[in-house]
């Protein structure tokens, strides 16, 4: 999400038990602060602020 709370990109992953990794391209997004939100159907919710410049 951008600083206004607008969803700018959504990535859906199929996860398996253990370590899961992916890269999310920020190409095409303006420089600024973004909120990365991870969630799943088991109630996991994690947020991280990231900056693109």
PDB file of N, CA and C in Angstrom:
ATOM      1  N   UNK A   1       0.847  -1.171   0.000  1.00  0.00           N
ATOM      2  CA  UNK A   1       0.000   0.000   0.000  1.00  0.00           C
ATOM      3  C   UNK A   1       0.892   1.233   0.000  1.00  0.00           C
ATOM      4  N   UNK A   2       0.377   2.297  -0.605  1.00  0.00           N
ATOM      5  CA  UNK A   2       1.132   3.543  -0.567  1.00  0.00           C
ATOM      6  C   UNK A   2       0.813   4.279   0.731  1.00  0.00           C
ATOM      7  N   UNK A   3       1.376   5.461   0.902  1.00  0.00           N
ATOM      8  CA  UNK A   3       1.226   6.211   2.149  1.00  0.00           C
ATOM      9  C   UNK A   3      -0.220   6.622   2.419  1.00  0.00           C
ATOM     10  N   UNK A   4      -1.069   6.615   1.387  1.00  0.00           N
ATOM     11  CA  UNK A   4      -2.480   6.970   1.584  1.00  0.00           C
ATOM     12  C   UNK A   4      -3.347   5.755   1.894  1.00  0.00           C
ATOM     13  N   UNK A   5      -2.758   4.550   1.878  1.00  0.00           N
ATOM     14  CA  UNK A   5      -3.505   3.330   2.158  1.00  0.00           C
ATOM     15  C   UNK A   5      -4.046   2.645   0.921  1.00  0.00           C
ATOM     16  N   UNK A   6      -3.734   3.181  -0.244  1.00  0.00           N
ATOM     17  CA  UNK A   6      -4.207   2.600  -1.508  1.00  0.00           C
ATOM     18  C   UNK A   6      -3.364   1.375  -1.852  1.00  0.00           C
ATOM     19  N   UNK A   7      -4.015   0.278  -2.193  1.00  0.00           N
ATOM     20  CA  UNK A   7      -3.301  -0.927  -2.615  1.00  0.00           C
ATOM     21  C   UNK A   7      -2.726  -0.678  -3.999  1.00  0.00           C
ATOM     22  N   UNK A   8      -1.398  -0.799  -4.127  1.00  0.00           N
ATOM     23  CA  UNK A   8      -0.741  -0.535  -5.403  1.00  0.00           C
ATOM     24  C   UNK A   8      -0.264  -1.818  -6.072  1.00  0.00           C
ATOM     25  N   UNK A   9      -0.163  -2.884  -5.322  1.00  0.00           N
ATOM     26  CA  UNK A   9       0.265  -4.153  -5.904  1.00  0.00           C
ATOM     27  C   UNK A   9      -0.187  -5.288  -4.985  1.00  0.00           C
ATOM     28  N   UNK A  10      -0.633  -6.380  -5.577  1.00  0.00           N
ATOM     29  CA  UNK A  10      -1.014  -7.574  -4.818  1.00  0.00           C
ATOM     30  C   UNK A  10      -0.269  -8.761  -5.409  1.00  0.00           C
ATOM     31  N   UNK A  11       0.324  -9.559  -4.544  1.00  0.00           N
ATOM     32  CA  UNK A  11       1.031 -10.768  -4.961  1.00  0.00           C
ATOM     33  C   UNK A  11       0.424 -11.931  -4.186  1.00  0.00           C
ATOM     34  N   UNK A  12      -0.023 -12.950  -4.890  1.00  0.00           N
ATOM     35  CA  UNK A  12      -0.567 -14.149  -4.256  1.00  0.00           C
ATOM     36  C   UNK A  12       0.472 -15.249  -4.368  1.00  0.00           C
ATOM     37  N   UNK A  13       0.761 -15.900  -3.249  1.00  0.00           N
ATOM     38  CA  UNK A  13       1.757 -16.976  -3.227  1.00  0.00           C
ATOM     39  C   UNK A  13       1.117 -18.260  -2.715  1.00  0.00           C
ATOM     40  N   UNK A  14       1.525 -19.378  -3.264  1.00  0.00           N
ATOM     41  CA  UNK A  14       1.185 -20.675  -2.711  1.00  0.00           C
ATOM     42  C   UNK A  14       2.340 -21.079  -1.806  1.00  0.00           C
ATOM     43  N   UNK A  15       2.079 -21.183  -0.515  1.00  0.00           N
ATOM     44  CA  UNK A  15       3.126 -21.452   0.457  1.00  0.00           C
ATOM     45  C   UNK A  15       3.151 -22.909   0.859  1.00  0.00           C
ATOM     46  N   UNK A  16       4.339 -23.358   1.219  1.00  0.00           N
ATOM     47  CA  UNK A  16       4.487 -24.706   1.752  1.00  0.00           C
ATOM     48  C   UNK A  16       5.139 -24.584   3.119  1.00  0.00           C
ATOM     49  N   UNK A  17       5.102 -25.640   3.901  1.00  0.00           N
ATOM     50  CA  UNK A  17       5.707 -25.622   5.224  1.00  0.00           C
ATOM     51  C   UNK A  17       7.195 -25.342   5.108  1.00  0.00           C
ATOM     52  N   UNK A  18       7.709 -24.494   5.979  1.00  0.00           N
ATOM     53  CA  UNK A  18       9.124 -24.145   5.946  1.00  0.00           C
ATOM     54  C   UNK A  18       9.327 -22.737   5.418  1.00  0.00           C
ATOM     55  N   UNK A  19      10.501 -22.500   4.893  1.00  0.00           N
ATOM     56  CA  UNK A  19      10.882 -21.179   4.394  1.00  0.00           C
ATOM     57  C   UNK A  19      10.294 -20.935   3.013  1.00  0.00           C
ATOM     58  N   UNK A  20       9.666 -19.788   2.847  1.00  0.00           N
ATOM     59  CA  UNK A  20       9.116 -19.374   1.555  1.00  0.00           C
ATOM     60  C   UNK A  20       9.665 -17.993   1.242  1.00  0.00           C
ATOM     61  N   UNK A  21      10.131 -17.798   0.020  1.00  0.00           N
ATOM     62  CA  UNK A  21      10.685 -16.516  -0.392  1.00  0.00           C
ATOM     63  C   UNK A  21      10.085 -16.088  -1.716  1.00  0.00           C
ATOM     64  N   UNK A  22       9.979 -14.780  -1.898  1.00  0.00           N
ATOM     65  CA  UNK A  22       9.568 -14.228  -3.176  1.00  0.00           C
ATOM     66  C   UNK A  22      10.124 -12.816  -3.288  1.00  0.00           C
ATOM     67  N   UNK A  23      10.208 -12.303  -4.474  1.00  0.00           N
ATOM     68  CA  UNK A  23      10.595 -10.913  -4.703  1.00  0.00           C
ATOM     69  C   UNK A  23       9.381 -10.181  -5.236  1.00  0.00           C
ATOM     70  N   UNK A  24       9.190  -8.985  -4.735  1.00  0.00           N
ATOM     71  CA  UNK A  24       8.096  -8.142  -5.198  1.00  0.00           C
ATOM     72  C   UNK A  24       8.719  -6.951  -5.918  1.00  0.00           C
ATOM     73  N   UNK A  25       8.458  -6.843  -7.185  1.00  0.00           N
ATOM     74  CA  UNK A  25       9.018  -5.754  -7.981  1.00  0.00           C
ATOM     75  C   UNK A  25       8.364  -4.428  -7.592  1.00  0.00           C
ATOM     76  N   UNK A  26       9.194  -3.419  -7.417  1.00  0.00           N
ATOM     77  CA  UNK A  26       8.678  -2.074  -7.157  1.00  0.00           C
ATOM     78  C   UNK A  26       8.784  -1.216  -8.411  1.00  0.00           C
ATOM     79  N   UNK A  27       9.056  -1.871  -9.540  1.00  0.00           N
ATOM     80  CA  UNK A  27       9.124  -1.165 -10.813  1.00  0.00           C
ATOM     81  C   UNK A  27       7.774  -0.515 -11.106  1.00  0.00           C
ATOM     82  N   UNK A  28       7.814   0.702 -11.562  1.00  0.00           N
ATOM     83  CA  UNK A  28       6.596   1.416 -11.908  1.00  0.00           C
ATOM     84  C   UNK A  28       5.979   2.162 -10.740  1.00  0.00           C
ATOM     85  N   UNK A  29       6.520   1.987  -9.529  1.00  0.00           N
ATOM     86  CA  UNK A  29       6.010   2.715  -8.372  1.00  0.00           C
ATOM     87  C   UNK A  29       6.855   3.962  -8.147  1.00  0.00           C
ATOM     88  N   UNK A  30       6.214   5.036  -7.768  1.00  0.00           N
ATOM     89  CA  UNK A  30       6.920   6.285  -7.494  1.00  0.00           C
ATOM     90  C   UNK A  30       7.778   6.138  -6.242  1.00  0.00           C
ATOM     91  N   UNK A  31       8.835   6.943  -6.144  1.00  0.00           N
ATOM     92  CA  UNK A  31       9.624   6.967  -4.923  1.00  0.00           C
ATOM     93  C   UNK A  31       8.725   7.370  -3.760  1.00  0.00           C
ATOM     94  N   UNK A  32       8.953   6.770  -2.600  1.00  0.00           N
ATOM     95  CA  UNK A  32       8.162   7.110  -1.424  1.00  0.00           C
ATOM     96  C   UNK A  32       8.145   5.979  -0.426  1.00  0.00           C
ATOM     97  N   UNK A  33       7.263   6.079   0.540  1.00  0.00           N
ATOM     98  CA  UNK A  33       7.134   5.093   1.618  1.00  0.00           C
ATOM     99  C   UNK A  33       5.942   4.195   1.301  1.00  0.00           C
ATOM    100  N   UNK A  34       6.152   2.899   1.480  1.00  0.00           N
ATOM    101  CA  UNK A  34       5.110   1.911   1.225  1.00  0.00           C
ATOM    102  C   UNK A  34       4.983   0.988   2.422  1.00  0.00           C
ATOM    103  N   UNK A  35       3.820   0.399   2.592  1.00  0.00           N
ATOM    104  CA  UNK A  35       3.574  -0.577   3.636  1.00  0.00           C
ATOM    105  C   UNK A  35       3.401  -1.932   2.978  1.00  0.00           C
ATOM    106  N   UNK A  36       4.245  -2.860   3.368  1.00  0.00           N
ATOM    107  CA  UNK A  36       4.146  -4.230   2.886  1.00  0.00           C
ATOM    108  C   UNK A  36       3.334  -5.000   3.923  1.00  0.00           C
ATOM    109  N   UNK A  37       2.229  -5.607   3.511  1.00  0.00           N
ATOM    110  CA  UNK A  37       1.378  -6.353   4.438  1.00  0.00           C
ATOM    111  C   UNK A  37       1.300  -7.806   3.990  1.00  0.00           C
ATOM    112  N   UNK A  38       1.637  -8.702   4.887  1.00  0.00           N
ATOM    113  CA  UNK A  38       1.549 -10.132   4.642  1.00  0.00           C
ATOM    114  C   UNK A  38       0.437 -10.694   5.512  1.00  0.00           C
ATOM    115  N   UNK A  39      -0.382 -11.551   4.937  1.00  0.00           N
ATOM    116  CA  UNK A  39      -1.447 -12.174   5.727  1.00  0.00           C
ATOM    117  C   UNK A  39      -1.789 -13.525   5.120  1.00  0.00           C
ATOM    118  N   UNK A  40      -2.404 -14.369   5.945  1.00  0.00           N
ATOM    119  CA  UNK A  40      -2.851 -15.663   5.441  1.00  0.00           C
ATOM    120  C   UNK A  40      -4.187 -16.027   6.074  1.00  0.00           C
ATOM    121  N   UNK A  41      -4.745 -17.149   5.661  1.00  0.00           N
ATOM    122  CA  UNK A  41      -6.058 -17.557   6.148  1.00  0.00           C
ATOM    123  C   UNK A  41      -6.022 -18.118   7.564  1.00  0.00           C
ATOM    124  N   UNK A  42      -4.839 -18.264   8.148  1.00  0.00           N
ATOM    125  CA  UNK A  42      -4.717 -18.766   9.509  1.00  0.00           C
ATOM    126  C   UNK A  42      -4.549 -17.630  10.517  1.00  0.00           C
ATOM    127  N   UNK A  43      -4.695 -16.399  10.078  1.00  0.00           N
ATOM    128  CA  UNK A  43      -4.666 -15.260  10.970  1.00  0.00           C
ATOM    129  C   UNK A  43      -3.325 -14.554  11.095  1.00  0.00           C
ATOM    130  N   UNK A  44      -2.324 -14.966  10.306  1.00  0.00           N
ATOM    131  CA  UNK A  44      -1.046 -14.262  10.331  1.00  0.00           C
ATOM    132  C   UNK A  44      -1.200 -12.898   9.679  1.00  0.00           C
ATOM    133  N   UNK A  45      -0.776 -11.879  10.375  1.00  0.00           N
ATOM    134  CA  UNK A  45      -0.765 -10.525   9.821  1.00  0.00           C
ATOM    135  C   UNK A  45       0.554  -9.884  10.208  1.00  0.00           C
ATOM    136  N   UNK A  46       1.296  -9.406   9.213  1.00  0.00           N
ATOM    137  CA  UNK A  46       2.593  -8.789   9.449  1.00  0.00           C
ATOM    138  C   UNK A  46       2.717  -7.590   8.525  1.00  0.00           C
ATOM    139  N   UNK A  47       3.195  -6.497   9.054  1.00  0.00           N
ATOM    140  CA  UNK A  47       3.367  -5.295   8.241  1.00  0.00           C
ATOM    141  C   UNK A  47       4.788  -4.773   8.381  1.00  0.00           C
ATOM    142  N   UNK A  48       5.317  -4.206   7.298  1.00  0.00           N
ATOM    143  CA  UNK A  48       6.665  -3.640   7.304  1.00  0.00           C
ATOM    144  C   UNK A  48       6.678  -2.407   6.426  1.00  0.00           C
ATOM    145  N   UNK A  49       7.206  -1.319   6.953  1.00  0.00           N
ATOM    146  CA  UNK A  49       7.372  -0.105   6.149  1.00  0.00           C
ATOM    147  C   UNK A  49       8.618  -0.265   5.296  1.00  0.00           C
ATOM    148  N   UNK A  50       8.530   0.103   4.026  1.00  0.00           N
ATOM    149  CA  UNK A  50       9.685   0.088   3.138  1.00  0.00           C
ATOM    150  C   UNK A  50       9.733   1.410   2.382  1.00  0.00           C
ATOM    151  N   UNK A  51      10.908   1.789   1.965  1.00  0.00           N
ATOM    152  CA  UNK A  51      11.085   3.052   1.252  1.00  0.00           C
ATOM    153  C   UNK A  51      11.718   2.786  -0.108  1.00  0.00           C
ATOM    154  N   UNK A  52      11.172   3.398  -1.123  1.00  0.00           N
ATOM    155  CA  UNK A  52      11.738   3.307  -2.457  1.00  0.00           C
ATOM    156  C   UNK A  52      12.286   4.680  -2.831  1.00  0.00           C
ATOM    157  N   UNK A  53      13.558   4.716  -3.209  1.00  0.00           N
ATOM    158  CA  UNK A  53      14.143   5.972  -3.696  1.00  0.00           C
ATOM    159  C   UNK A  53      15.310   5.720  -4.594  1.00  0.00           C
TER     160      UNK A  53
END
